[in-house]
Amino acid sequence: MEYAAVRASNEPAPTHPCGANLEYDTAFIELQQAAISKREQQFGDAVIAAVPPDWRQVERQATRLLERTTDLRVIALLTLAWTEIDGLAGYANGLALAADALERHWDEVHPQVESAGESDPMARVNALASLTDAQTLGASLRNATLLHVQTGAITLGDAATLLANGTTRTILPAPLEDAAALRSALKAAHAELGIVHTLLGMIKRTESRVATMLDASWVPDSSAVTGMLRIVAEAMREPEAAASGRAEHIEPNGQRFGQRIGERSEPAFVPVAAAQTGTLGSRADAVRALDQVCAYLEAAEPAHPAPLLIRRAQRLLQMNFHDIVRDMVPEALPQIEALAGRTG
């Protein structure tokens, strides 16, 4: 089922705009179970290979649930299924559903921020965080095809790693074996790869909604996804002199996505002259450098925990002192506010 059909089936009823909270409904529990891979099993000498989820079945179960409820947890699982099935275009469709839900029915969409008269945004924020987390949707997006060539394809994750580090552990198809050739290929397919900008814009759209309705400290960390997208988006925008190499027979991934999500959005930062010299000339350069460090560690040392801390540091870069204290040591916030004369 495509974006438009799901969007139409999720039209709200006037009296109950987002339906019931189905968190404990059997269908919701079955959906969560359907999205989990079956691990490899061994019985004596017999080894039963791991079995990935049936993503078409996950899609069907999620879309049926969305006829009864508007729930970001269900949308996140549908987004995962769509990304596994349709790659970047599927991810765009899922992000559009989430953004629409937040913009149309912030108060009513599940999980709700207000419960029993008390405000607790944590469940809402956790559901949104699953749209850009490194382990599930981030991993699926890393494996999504970015470009096709006659001899194969290159994924978003491999492209970001190659651009950031100049090398990758994956054997890449010709003519994309080196970063210079990939940059030329990306520039050649710039018009068709607008989805990269679209995804960055949609993530920003959701983050802005959260920051407006709550505050910036509640915005989930999206850098596991935006880091890859920014590296690719920047390569697409580099001056022609910085992108030499071969670009023949290059095609974008070609997946379709909903017409309502086709608007292009600019990437989060623009390359500057300092980036070409290896020096840092702005905060944008610093963010890009941290993205490159994360891309390298995630490719070369995937078990190393440093990227988790680096990505948190990236998020803190966007905050003021007050928000940083609230994020890192909230129990100290009353004392800080008292010292600053912000009592009451």
C-alpha atoms as a PDB file:
ATOM      1  CA  MET A   1       0.000   0.000   0.000  1.00  0.00           C
ATOM      2  CA  GLU A   2       1.353   3.440  -0.879  1.00  0.00           C
ATOM      3  CA  TYR A   3       1.465   6.693   1.052  1.00  0.00           C
ATOM      4  CA  ALA A   4      -1.693   8.227  -0.432  1.00  0.00           C
ATOM      5  CA  ALA A   5      -3.818   5.179   0.390  1.00  0.00           C
ATOM      6  CA  VAL A   6      -2.591   4.985   3.983  1.00  0.00           C
ATOM      7  CA  ARG A   7      -3.024   8.730   4.416  1.00  0.00           C
ATOM      8  CA  ALA A   8      -6.613   8.488   3.164  1.00  0.00           C
ATOM      9  CA  SER A   9      -7.455   5.521   5.420  1.00  0.00           C
ATOM     10  CA  ASN A  10      -6.101   7.451   8.412  1.00  0.00           C
ATOM     11  CA  GLU A  11      -8.517  10.374   8.034  1.00  0.00           C
ATOM     12  CA  PRO A  12      -9.770  11.245  11.525  1.00  0.00           C
ATOM     13  CA  ALA A  13     -13.306  10.944  12.825  1.00  0.00           C
ATOM     14  CA  PRO A  14     -14.646  14.266  14.136  1.00  0.00           C
ATOM     15  CA  THR A  15     -15.303  12.993  17.668  1.00  0.00           C
ATOM     16  CA  HIS A  16     -12.128  10.911  18.061  1.00  0.00           C
ATOM     17  CA  PRO A  17      -9.473  12.489  15.814  1.00  0.00           C
ATOM     18  CA  CYS A  18      -6.817   9.829  16.392  1.00  0.00           C
ATOM     19  CA  GLY A  19      -8.841   6.853  17.538  1.00  0.00           C
ATOM     20  CA  ALA A  20      -8.102   4.794  20.622  1.00  0.00           C
ATOM     21  CA  ASN A  21      -4.751   4.037  22.204  1.00  0.00           C
ATOM     22  CA  LEU A  22      -4.195   0.438  21.068  1.00  0.00           C
ATOM     23  CA  GLU A  23      -0.930  -0.084  22.970  1.00  0.00           C
ATOM     24  CA  TYR A  24      -2.300  -3.209  24.667  1.00  0.00           C
ATOM     25  CA  ASP A  25      -4.441  -4.372  21.767  1.00  0.00           C
ATOM     26  CA  THR A  26      -3.644  -7.853  20.442  1.00  0.00           C
ATOM     27  CA  ALA A  27      -3.147  -6.504  16.915  1.00  0.00           C
ATOM     28  CA  PHE A  28      -0.586  -3.970  18.149  1.00  0.00           C
ATOM     29  CA  ILE A  29       1.364  -6.620  20.056  1.00  0.00           C
ATOM     30  CA  GLU A  30       1.297  -8.924  17.018  1.00  0.00           C
ATOM     31  CA  LEU A  31       2.637  -6.081  14.853  1.00  0.00           C
ATOM     32  CA  GLN A  32       5.571  -5.546  17.207  1.00  0.00           C
ATOM     33  CA  GLN A  33       6.345  -9.261  17.166  1.00  0.00           C
ATOM     34  CA  ALA A  34       6.092  -9.444  13.372  1.00  0.00           C
ATOM     35  CA  ALA A  35       8.798  -6.777  13.024  1.00  0.00           C
ATOM     36  CA  ILE A  36      11.369  -8.803  15.018  1.00  0.00           C
ATOM     37  CA  SER A  37      13.813 -11.088  13.212  1.00  0.00           C
ATOM     38  CA  LYS A  38      13.959 -14.721  14.264  1.00  0.00           C
ATOM     39  CA  ARG A  39      17.432 -15.491  15.553  1.00  0.00           C
ATOM     40  CA  GLU A  40      19.641 -18.285  14.306  1.00  0.00           C
ATOM     41  CA  GLN A  41      18.935 -21.505  16.182  1.00  0.00           C
ATOM     42  CA  GLN A  42      20.959 -24.657  16.663  1.00  0.00           C
ATOM     43  CA  PHE A  43      19.579 -28.077  17.524  1.00  0.00           C
ATOM     44  CA  GLY A  44      22.419 -30.546  17.855  1.00  0.00           C
ATOM     45  CA  ASP A  45      24.321 -30.413  14.581  1.00  0.00           C
ATOM     46  CA  ALA A  46      21.455 -28.722  12.755  1.00  0.00           C
ATOM     47  CA  VAL A  47      21.624 -24.943  12.344  1.00  0.00           C
ATOM     48  CA  ILE A  48      18.503 -23.018  11.395  1.00  0.00           C
ATOM     49  CA  ALA A  49      19.433 -19.710   9.791  1.00  0.00           C
ATOM     50  CA  ALA A  50      18.081 -16.418  11.089  1.00  0.00           C
ATOM     51  CA  VAL A  51      14.871 -15.328   9.394  1.00  0.00           C
ATOM     52  CA  PRO A  52      14.201 -11.615   8.706  1.00  0.00           C
ATOM     53  CA  PRO A  53      10.685 -10.249   9.181  1.00  0.00           C
ATOM     54  CA  ASP A  54       8.156 -10.528   6.381  1.00  0.00           C
ATOM     55  CA  TRP A  55       8.054  -6.813   5.681  1.00  0.00           C
ATOM     56  CA  ARG A  56       5.002  -7.051   3.433  1.00  0.00           C
ATOM     57  CA  GLN A  57       3.150  -8.666   6.329  1.00  0.00           C
ATOM     58  CA  VAL A  58       4.375  -5.948   8.704  1.00  0.00           C
ATOM     59  CA  GLU A  59       3.121  -3.366   6.198  1.00  0.00           C
ATOM     60  CA  ARG A  60      -0.307  -5.009   6.030  1.00  0.00           C
ATOM     61  CA  GLN A  61      -0.652  -5.255   9.806  1.00  0.00           C
ATOM     62  CA  ALA A  62       0.460  -1.663  10.346  1.00  0.00           C
ATOM     63  CA  THR A  63      -1.862  -0.208   7.715  1.00  0.00           C
ATOM     64  CA  ARG A  64      -4.808  -2.112   9.210  1.00  0.00           C
ATOM     65  CA  LEU A  65      -4.007  -0.667  12.634  1.00  0.00           C
ATOM     66  CA  LEU A  66      -3.804   2.844  11.205  1.00  0.00           C
ATOM     67  CA  GLU A  67      -7.435   2.500  10.139  1.00  0.00           C
ATOM     68  CA  ARG A  68      -8.257   2.391  13.868  1.00  0.00           C
ATOM     69  CA  THR A  69      -5.670   4.696  15.425  1.00  0.00           C
ATOM     70  CA  THR A  70      -3.108   7.381  14.673  1.00  0.00           C
ATOM     71  CA  ASP A  71      -0.110   6.160  16.646  1.00  0.00           C
ATOM     72  CA  LEU A  72       3.508   7.163  16.049  1.00  0.00           C
ATOM     73  CA  ARG A  73       4.671   3.728  17.216  1.00  0.00           C
ATOM     74  CA  VAL A  74       2.645   2.094  14.464  1.00  0.00           C
ATOM     75  CA  ILE A  75       3.832   4.682  11.943  1.00  0.00           C
ATOM     76  CA  ALA A  76       7.446   3.965  12.931  1.00  0.00           C
ATOM     77  CA  LEU A  77       7.021   0.235  12.266  1.00  0.00           C
ATOM     78  CA  LEU A  78       5.282   0.963   8.963  1.00  0.00           C
ATOM     79  CA  THR A  79       8.159   3.295   8.078  1.00  0.00           C
ATOM     80  CA  LEU A  80      10.632   0.511   8.831  1.00  0.00           C
ATOM     81  CA  ALA A  81       8.698  -1.886   6.593  1.00  0.00           C
ATOM     82  CA  TRP A  82       8.477   0.675   3.792  1.00  0.00           C
ATOM     83  CA  THR A  83      12.193   1.424   4.042  1.00  0.00           C
ATOM     84  CA  GLU A  84      13.025  -2.272   3.792  1.00  0.00           C
ATOM     85  CA  ILE A  85      10.706  -2.624   0.790  1.00  0.00           C
ATOM     86  CA  ASP A  86      11.192   0.668  -1.097  1.00  0.00           C
ATOM     87  CA  GLY A  87      14.395   2.150   0.305  1.00  0.00           C
ATOM     88  CA  LEU A  88      14.731   5.934   0.527  1.00  0.00           C
ATOM     89  CA  ALA A  89      11.306   6.514  -1.011  1.00  0.00           C
ATOM     90  CA  GLY A  90       9.673   4.271   1.582  1.00  0.00           C
ATOM     91  CA  TYR A  91      11.431   6.146   4.355  1.00  0.00           C
ATOM     92  CA  ALA A  92      10.171   9.441   2.930  1.00  0.00           C
ATOM     93  CA  ASN A  93       6.605   8.137   2.926  1.00  0.00           C
ATOM     94  CA  GLY A  94       6.836   7.118   6.569  1.00  0.00           C
ATOM     95  CA  LEU A  95       8.331  10.432   7.652  1.00  0.00           C
ATOM     96  CA  ALA A  96       5.517  12.228   5.837  1.00  0.00           C
ATOM     97  CA  LEU A  97       2.881  10.260   7.759  1.00  0.00           C
ATOM     98  CA  ALA A  98       4.552  11.114  11.062  1.00  0.00           C
ATOM     99  CA  ALA A  99       4.919  14.806  10.198  1.00  0.00           C
ATOM    100  CA  ASP A 100       1.291  15.028   9.039  1.00  0.00           C
ATOM    101  CA  ALA A 101       0.061  13.426  12.264  1.00  0.00           C
ATOM    102  CA  LEU A 102       2.048  15.835  14.426  1.00  0.00           C
ATOM    103  CA  GLU A 103       0.950  18.896  12.483  1.00  0.00           C
ATOM    104  CA  ARG A 104      -2.739  17.980  12.264  1.00  0.00           C
ATOM    105  CA  HIS A 105      -3.329  16.503  15.713  1.00  0.00           C
ATOM    106  CA  TRP A 106      -0.488  17.207  18.105  1.00  0.00           C
ATOM    107  CA  ASP A 107      -2.646  16.798  21.210  1.00  0.00           C
ATOM    108  CA  GLU A 108      -4.513  13.666  20.127  1.00  0.00           C
ATOM    109  CA  VAL A 109      -1.903  11.547  18.309  1.00  0.00           C
ATOM    110  CA  HIS A 110      -0.655   8.570  20.325  1.00  0.00           C
ATOM    111  CA  PRO A 111       1.354   8.325  22.515  1.00  0.00           C
ATOM    112  CA  GLN A 112      -0.214  11.477  23.914  1.00  0.00           C
ATOM    113  CA  VAL A 113       1.818  14.086  25.770  1.00  0.00           C
ATOM    114  CA  GLU A 114      -0.959  14.716  28.304  1.00  0.00           C
ATOM    115  CA  SER A 115      -2.151  11.699  30.274  1.00  0.00           C
ATOM    116  CA  ALA A 116      -4.515  11.794  33.254  1.00  0.00           C
ATOM    117  CA  GLY A 117      -4.062  15.543  33.456  1.00  0.00           C
ATOM    118  CA  GLU A 118      -0.271  15.359  33.660  1.00  0.00           C
ATOM    119  CA  SER A 119       2.296  16.206  31.010  1.00  0.00           C
ATOM    120  CA  ASP A 120       4.859  13.514  30.189  1.00  0.00           C
ATOM    121  CA  PRO A 121       6.336  13.782  26.679  1.00  0.00           C
ATOM    122  CA  MET A 122       8.732  10.841  27.113  1.00  0.00           C
ATOM    123  CA  ALA A 123       6.604   8.191  25.369  1.00  0.00           C
ATOM    124  CA  ARG A 124       5.921  10.577  22.454  1.00  0.00           C
ATOM    125  CA  VAL A 125       9.602  11.465  22.112  1.00  0.00           C
ATOM    126  CA  ASN A 126      10.684   7.809  22.289  1.00  0.00           C
ATOM    127  CA  ALA A 127       8.280   6.964  19.467  1.00  0.00           C
ATOM    128  CA  LEU A 128       9.699   9.797  17.362  1.00  0.00           C
ATOM    129  CA  ALA A 129      13.269   8.783  18.206  1.00  0.00           C
ATOM    130  CA  SER A 130      12.622   5.352  16.685  1.00  0.00           C
ATOM    131  CA  LEU A 131      12.225   7.051  13.285  1.00  0.00           C
ATOM    132  CA  THR A 132      15.909   8.013  13.252  1.00  0.00           C
ATOM    133  CA  ASP A 133      17.616   5.619  15.668  1.00  0.00           C
ATOM    134  CA  ALA A 134      20.875   3.974  14.649  1.00  0.00           C
ATOM    135  CA  GLN A 135      19.920   0.375  15.415  1.00  0.00           C
ATOM    136  CA  THR A 136      16.690  -0.134  13.433  1.00  0.00           C
ATOM    137  CA  LEU A 137      15.602   2.490  10.918  1.00  0.00           C
ATOM    138  CA  GLY A 138      19.092   3.961  10.765  1.00  0.00           C
ATOM    139  CA  ALA A 139      20.500   0.536   9.927  1.00  0.00           C
ATOM    140  CA  SER A 140      17.795  -0.056   7.320  1.00  0.00           C
ATOM    141  CA  LEU A 141      18.536   3.307   5.738  1.00  0.00           C
ATOM    142  CA  ARG A 142      22.286   2.617   5.668  1.00  0.00           C
ATOM    143  CA  ASN A 143      21.518  -0.449   3.548  1.00  0.00           C
ATOM    144  CA  ALA A 144      19.113   1.391   1.217  1.00  0.00           C
ATOM    145  CA  THR A 145      20.273   1.846  -2.377  1.00  0.00           C
ATOM    146  CA  LEU A 146      21.370   5.362  -3.277  1.00  0.00           C
ATOM    147  CA  LEU A 147      22.662   4.849  -6.845  1.00  0.00           C
ATOM    148  CA  HIS A 148      22.456   2.086  -9.433  1.00  0.00           C
ATOM    149  CA  VAL A 149      25.179   1.385 -11.978  1.00  0.00           C
ATOM    150  CA  GLN A 150      25.373  -1.278 -14.666  1.00  0.00           C
ATOM    151  CA  THR A 151      27.609  -3.407 -12.460  1.00  0.00           C
ATOM    152  CA  GLY A 152      25.688  -3.046  -9.217  1.00  0.00           C
ATOM    153  CA  ALA A 153      24.583  -0.454  -6.684  1.00  0.00           C
ATOM    154  CA  ILE A 154      25.906   1.628  -3.811  1.00  0.00           C
ATOM    155  CA  THR A 155      24.018   2.075  -0.555  1.00  0.00           C
ATOM    156  CA  LEU A 156      23.534   5.301   1.345  1.00  0.00           C
ATOM    157  CA  GLY A 157      25.755   4.035   4.163  1.00  0.00           C
ATOM    158  CA  ASP A 158      28.607   2.997   1.873  1.00  0.00           C
ATOM    159  CA  ALA A 159      28.379   6.279  -0.010  1.00  0.00           C
ATOM    160  CA  ALA A 160      28.570   8.315   3.203  1.00  0.00           C
ATOM    161  CA  THR A 161      31.494   6.257   4.497  1.00  0.00           C
ATOM    162  CA  LEU A 162      33.425   6.530   1.223  1.00  0.00           C
ATOM    163  CA  LEU A 163      32.848  10.276   1.005  1.00  0.00           C
ATOM    164  CA  ALA A 164      33.824  10.834   4.637  1.00  0.00           C
ATOM    165  CA  ASN A 165      36.865   8.554   4.796  1.00  0.00           C
ATOM    166  CA  GLY A 166      37.968   7.985   1.204  1.00  0.00           C
ATOM    167  CA  THR A 167      37.590   4.238   1.718  1.00  0.00           C
ATOM    168  CA  THR A 168      35.101   1.579   2.788  1.00  0.00           C
ATOM    169  CA  ARG A 169      35.241  -2.090   3.671  1.00  0.00           C
ATOM    170  CA  THR A 170      32.597  -2.891   1.073  1.00  0.00           C
ATOM    171  CA  ILE A 171      33.684  -3.844  -2.447  1.00  0.00           C
ATOM    172  CA  LEU A 172      31.992  -1.201  -4.579  1.00  0.00           C
ATOM    173  CA  PRO A 173      30.950  -1.557  -8.225  1.00  0.00           C
ATOM    174  CA  ALA A 174      32.770   0.293 -10.992  1.00  0.00           C
ATOM    175  CA  PRO A 175      32.778   3.204 -11.617  1.00  0.00           C
ATOM    176  CA  LEU A 176      32.235   4.099  -7.952  1.00  0.00           C
ATOM    177  CA  GLU A 177      35.375   2.649  -6.372  1.00  0.00           C
ATOM    178  CA  ASP A 178      36.747   5.983  -5.139  1.00  0.00           C
ATOM    179  CA  ALA A 179      35.363   9.130  -3.568  1.00  0.00           C
ATOM    180  CA  ALA A 180      36.125  11.383  -6.547  1.00  0.00           C
ATOM    181  CA  ALA A 181      34.167   9.147  -8.924  1.00  0.00           C
ATOM    182  CA  LEU A 182      31.273   8.973  -6.483  1.00  0.00           C
ATOM    183  CA  ARG A 183      31.168  12.759  -6.138  1.00  0.00           C
ATOM    184  CA  SER A 184      30.957  13.117  -9.901  1.00  0.00           C
ATOM    185  CA  ALA A 185      28.212  10.504 -10.010  1.00  0.00           C
ATOM    186  CA  LEU A 186      26.224  12.298  -7.324  1.00  0.00           C
ATOM    187  CA  LYS A 187      26.541  15.620  -9.099  1.00  0.00           C
ATOM    188  CA  ALA A 188      25.479  14.014 -12.384  1.00  0.00           C
ATOM    189  CA  ALA A 189      22.344  12.619 -10.711  1.00  0.00           C
ATOM    190  CA  HIS A 190      21.714  15.721  -8.581  1.00  0.00           C
ATOM    191  CA  ALA A 191      18.301  16.532 -10.032  1.00  0.00           C
ATOM    192  CA  GLU A 192      17.037  12.979  -9.589  1.00  0.00           C
ATOM    193  CA  LEU A 193      18.454  12.629  -6.069  1.00  0.00           C
ATOM    194  CA  GLY A 194      16.320  15.399  -4.617  1.00  0.00           C
ATOM    195  CA  ILE A 195      14.983  12.812  -2.173  1.00  0.00           C
ATOM    196  CA  VAL A 196      18.164  13.268  -0.114  1.00  0.00           C
ATOM    197  CA  HIS A 197      17.245  16.924   0.425  1.00  0.00           C
ATOM    198  CA  THR A 198      13.605  15.950   0.947  1.00  0.00           C
ATOM    199  CA  LEU A 199      14.498  13.576   3.779  1.00  0.00           C
ATOM    200  CA  LEU A 200      16.618  16.200   5.524  1.00  0.00           C
ATOM    201  CA  GLY A 201      13.773  18.674   5.186  1.00  0.00           C
ATOM    202  CA  MET A 202      11.199  16.265   6.591  1.00  0.00           C
ATOM    203  CA  ILE A 203      13.326  15.392   9.603  1.00  0.00           C
ATOM    204  CA  LYS A 204      13.817  19.111  10.228  1.00  0.00           C
ATOM    205  CA  ARG A 205      10.065  19.626   9.874  1.00  0.00           C
ATOM    206  CA  THR A 206       9.354  17.086  12.618  1.00  0.00           C
ATOM    207  CA  GLU A 207      12.111  18.431  14.857  1.00  0.00           C
ATOM    208  CA  SER A 208      10.769  21.970  14.491  1.00  0.00           C
ATOM    209  CA  ARG A 209       7.300  20.808  15.489  1.00  0.00           C
ATOM    210  CA  VAL A 210       8.644  19.146  18.639  1.00  0.00           C
ATOM    211  CA  ALA A 211      10.763  22.180  19.522  1.00  0.00           C
ATOM    212  CA  THR A 212       7.766  24.491  19.062  1.00  0.00           C
ATOM    213  CA  MET A 213       5.266  22.411  21.034  1.00  0.00           C
ATOM    214  CA  LEU A 214       7.686  21.283  23.771  1.00  0.00           C
ATOM    215  CA  ASP A 215      11.190  22.768  23.577  1.00  0.00           C
ATOM    216  CA  ALA A 216      14.541  22.029  21.962  1.00  0.00           C
ATOM    217  CA  SER A 217      15.681  19.707  24.743  1.00  0.00           C
ATOM    218  CA  TRP A 218      12.963  17.212  23.763  1.00  0.00           C
ATOM    219  CA  VAL A 219      14.025  16.975  20.117  1.00  0.00           C
ATOM    220  CA  PRO A 220      15.254  13.393  19.481  1.00  0.00           C
ATOM    221  CA  ASP A 221      18.800  12.841  18.271  1.00  0.00           C
ATOM    222  CA  SER A 222      18.552  12.231  14.525  1.00  0.00           C
ATOM    223  CA  SER A 223      22.262  12.407  13.689  1.00  0.00           C
ATOM    224  CA  ALA A 224      22.563   8.672  12.933  1.00  0.00           C
ATOM    225  CA  VAL A 225      20.413   9.378   9.864  1.00  0.00           C
ATOM    226  CA  THR A 226      21.052  13.046   9.134  1.00  0.00           C
ATOM    227  CA  GLY A 227      24.814  12.509   9.337  1.00  0.00           C
ATOM    228  CA  MET A 228      24.732  10.185   6.313  1.00  0.00           C
ATOM    229  CA  LEU A 229      22.288  12.368   4.420  1.00  0.00           C
ATOM    230  CA  ARG A 230      24.281  15.543   5.031  1.00  0.00           C
ATOM    231  CA  ILE A 231      27.513  14.003   3.785  1.00  0.00           C
ATOM    232  CA  VAL A 232      25.804  12.938   0.554  1.00  0.00           C
ATOM    233  CA  ALA A 233      23.924  16.232   0.199  1.00  0.00           C
ATOM    234  CA  GLU A 234      27.132  18.187   0.612  1.00  0.00           C
ATOM    235  CA  ALA A 235      28.904  16.102  -2.035  1.00  0.00           C
ATOM    236  CA  MET A 236      26.037  16.862  -4.419  1.00  0.00           C
ATOM    237  CA  ARG A 237      26.554  20.596  -3.826  1.00  0.00           C
ATOM    238  CA  GLU A 238      30.355  20.711  -4.092  1.00  0.00           C
ATOM    239  CA  PRO A 239      31.918  22.922  -6.787  1.00  0.00           C
ATOM    240  CA  GLU A 240      32.653  21.153 -10.061  1.00  0.00           C
ATOM    241  CA  ALA A 241      36.415  21.418  -9.447  1.00  0.00           C
ATOM    242  CA  ALA A 242      36.058  19.308  -6.304  1.00  0.00           C
ATOM    243  CA  ALA A 243      34.233  16.488  -8.064  1.00  0.00           C
ATOM    244  CA  SER A 244      36.360  14.931 -10.788  1.00  0.00           C
ATOM    245  CA  GLY A 245      36.113  11.349 -12.016  1.00  0.00           C
ATOM    246  CA  ARG A 246      33.852   9.062 -14.003  1.00  0.00           C
ATOM    247  CA  ALA A 247      30.066   9.295 -13.900  1.00  0.00           C
ATOM    248  CA  GLU A 248      28.837   7.223 -16.839  1.00  0.00           C
ATOM    249  CA  HIS A 249      25.826   4.899 -16.598  1.00  0.00           C
ATOM    250  CA  ILE A 250      24.667   6.334 -13.285  1.00  0.00           C
ATOM    251  CA  GLU A 251      20.996   6.188 -12.310  1.00  0.00           C
ATOM    252  CA  PRO A 252      19.298   7.187  -9.054  1.00  0.00           C
ATOM    253  CA  ASN A 253      17.460   4.470  -7.165  1.00  0.00           C
ATOM    254  CA  GLY A 254      14.264   5.450  -8.996  1.00  0.00           C
ATOM    255  CA  GLN A 255      11.750   4.567  -6.260  1.00  0.00           C
ATOM    256  CA  ARG A 256       8.464   6.454  -6.257  1.00  0.00           C
ATOM    257  CA  PHE A 257       7.197   8.345  -3.249  1.00  0.00           C
ATOM    258  CA  GLY A 258       4.003  10.229  -2.425  1.00  0.00           C
ATOM    259  CA  GLN A 259       3.299  13.408  -4.341  1.00  0.00           C
ATOM    260  CA  ARG A 260       2.627  15.340  -1.162  1.00  0.00           C
ATOM    261  CA  ILE A 261       6.182  14.813   0.040  1.00  0.00           C
ATOM    262  CA  GLY A 262       8.016  15.845  -3.110  1.00  0.00           C
ATOM    263  CA  GLU A 263       9.036  19.305  -1.971  1.00  0.00           C
ATOM    264  CA  ARG A 264      12.776  19.823  -1.825  1.00  0.00           C
ATOM    265  CA  SER A 265      14.452  21.160   1.259  1.00  0.00           C
ATOM    266  CA  GLU A 266      17.994  22.446   1.551  1.00  0.00           C
ATOM    267  CA  PRO A 267      20.507  20.386   3.505  1.00  0.00           C
ATOM    268  CA  ALA A 268      21.317  21.499   7.021  1.00  0.00           C
ATOM    269  CA  PHE A 269      24.603  23.151   6.061  1.00  0.00           C
ATOM    270  CA  VAL A 270      26.489  24.386   3.026  1.00  0.00           C
ATOM    271  CA  PRO A 271      30.132  23.600   2.300  1.00  0.00           C
ATOM    272  CA  VAL A 272      32.522  26.496   2.798  1.00  0.00           C
ATOM    273  CA  ALA A 273      36.003  27.176   1.524  1.00  0.00           C
ATOM    274  CA  ALA A 274      37.535  26.047   4.804  1.00  0.00           C
ATOM    275  CA  ALA A 275      36.143  22.561   4.213  1.00  0.00           C
ATOM    276  CA  GLN A 276      38.353  22.193   1.134  1.00  0.00           C
ATOM    277  CA  THR A 277      41.518  22.931   3.145  1.00  0.00           C
ATOM    278  CA  GLY A 278      40.848  20.583   6.034  1.00  0.00           C
ATOM    279  CA  THR A 279      40.430  23.412   8.563  1.00  0.00           C
ATOM    280  CA  LEU A 280      37.287  24.290  10.492  1.00  0.00           C
ATOM    281  CA  GLY A 281      35.846  27.707   9.756  1.00  0.00           C
ATOM    282  CA  SER A 282      32.361  27.473  11.239  1.00  0.00           C
ATOM    283  CA  ARG A 283      30.050  25.432  13.428  1.00  0.00           C
ATOM    284  CA  ALA A 284      28.787  23.745  10.249  1.00  0.00           C
ATOM    285  CA  ASP A 285      32.344  22.554   9.565  1.00  0.00           C
ATOM    286  CA  ALA A 286      32.538  21.153  13.089  1.00  0.00           C
ATOM    287  CA  VAL A 287      29.259  19.273  12.660  1.00  0.00           C
ATOM    288  CA  ARG A 288      30.480  17.849   9.362  1.00  0.00           C
ATOM    289  CA  ALA A 289      33.781  16.752  10.934  1.00  0.00           C
ATOM    290  CA  LEU A 290      31.917  14.952  13.706  1.00  0.00           C
ATOM    291  CA  ASP A 291      29.713  13.278  11.085  1.00  0.00           C
ATOM    292  CA  GLN A 292      32.854  12.032   9.350  1.00  0.00           C
ATOM    293  CA  VAL A 293      34.322  10.689  12.591  1.00  0.00           C
ATOM    294  CA  CYS A 294      31.087   8.808  13.302  1.00  0.00           C
ATOM    295  CA  ALA A 295      30.934   7.433   9.761  1.00  0.00           C
ATOM    296  CA  TYR A 296      34.492   6.129  10.067  1.00  0.00           C
ATOM    297  CA  LEU A 297      33.987   4.496  13.472  1.00  0.00           C
ATOM    298  CA  GLU A 298      30.660   2.941  12.488  1.00  0.00           C
ATOM    299  CA  ALA A 299      32.313   1.374   9.433  1.00  0.00           C
ATOM    300  CA  ALA A 300      35.723   0.447  10.872  1.00  0.00           C
ATOM    301  CA  GLU A 301      34.855  -0.235  14.530  1.00  0.00           C
ATOM    302  CA  PRO A 302      31.094  -0.878  14.684  1.00  0.00           C
ATOM    303  CA  ALA A 303      31.227  -2.113  18.296  1.00  0.00           C
ATOM    304  CA  HIS A 304      32.898   1.057  19.589  1.00  0.00           C
ATOM    305  CA  PRO A 305      30.546   3.240  21.704  1.00  0.00           C
ATOM    306  CA  ALA A 306      32.190   6.555  20.763  1.00  0.00           C
ATOM    307  CA  PRO A 307      29.643   7.455  18.012  1.00  0.00           C
ATOM    308  CA  LEU A 308      26.849   7.468  20.610  1.00  0.00           C
ATOM    309  CA  LEU A 309      28.703  10.087  22.658  1.00  0.00           C
ATOM    310  CA  ILE A 310      29.759  12.087  19.608  1.00  0.00           C
ATOM    311  CA  ARG A 311      26.192  12.258  18.331  1.00  0.00           C
ATOM    312  CA  ARG A 312      25.053  13.488  21.729  1.00  0.00           C
ATOM    313  CA  ALA A 313      27.726  16.181  21.544  1.00  0.00           C
ATOM    314  CA  GLN A 314      26.348  17.192  18.128  1.00  0.00           C
ATOM    315  CA  ARG A 315      22.910  17.612  19.660  1.00  0.00           C
ATOM    316  CA  LEU A 316      24.322  19.688  22.523  1.00  0.00           C
ATOM    317  CA  LEU A 317      25.929  22.033  19.982  1.00  0.00           C
ATOM    318  CA  GLN A 318      22.445  23.278  19.111  1.00  0.00           C
ATOM    319  CA  MET A 319      21.539  24.105  22.748  1.00  0.00           C
ATOM    320  CA  ASN A 320      22.219  26.986  25.101  1.00  0.00           C
ATOM    321  CA  PHE A 321      23.700  26.482  28.585  1.00  0.00           C
ATOM    322  CA  HIS A 322      20.305  26.201  30.269  1.00  0.00           C
ATOM    323  CA  ASP A 323      19.112  23.506  27.856  1.00  0.00           C
ATOM    324  CA  ILE A 324      22.401  21.586  28.158  1.00  0.00           C
ATOM    325  CA  VAL A 325      22.067  21.432  31.956  1.00  0.00           C
ATOM    326  CA  ARG A 326      18.451  20.305  31.624  1.00  0.00           C
ATOM    327  CA  ASP A 327      19.490  17.588  29.166  1.00  0.00           C
ATOM    328  CA  MET A 328      22.527  16.264  31.040  1.00  0.00           C
ATOM    329  CA  VAL A 329      21.870  16.927  34.758  1.00  0.00           C
ATOM    330  CA  PRO A 330      18.206  17.919  35.151  1.00  0.00           C
ATOM    331  CA  GLU A 331      18.400  17.508  38.925  1.00  0.00           C
ATOM    332  CA  ALA A 332      20.839  20.470  39.020  1.00  0.00           C
ATOM    333  CA  LEU A 333      18.504  22.776  37.104  1.00  0.00           C
ATOM    334  CA  PRO A 334      16.753  24.298  40.173  1.00  0.00           C
ATOM    335  CA  GLN A 335      20.107  25.340  41.650  1.00  0.00           C
ATOM    336  CA  ILE A 336      21.234  26.848  38.334  1.00  0.00           C
ATOM    337  CA  GLU A 337      17.980  28.779  38.005  1.00  0.00           C
ATOM    338  CA  ALA A 338      18.260  29.993  41.605  1.00  0.00           C
ATOM    339  CA  LEU A 339      21.779  31.284  40.944  1.00  0.00           C
ATOM    340  CA  ALA A 340      20.532  33.038  37.830  1.00  0.00           C
ATOM    341  CA  GLY A 341      17.612  34.585  39.699  1.00  0.00           C
ATOM    342  CA  ARG A 342      15.039  32.586  37.734  1.00  0.00           C
ATOM    343  CA  THR A 343      13.036  31.351  40.722  1.00  0.00           C
ATOM    344  CA  GLY A 344       9.312  31.006  40.654  1.00  0.00           C
END
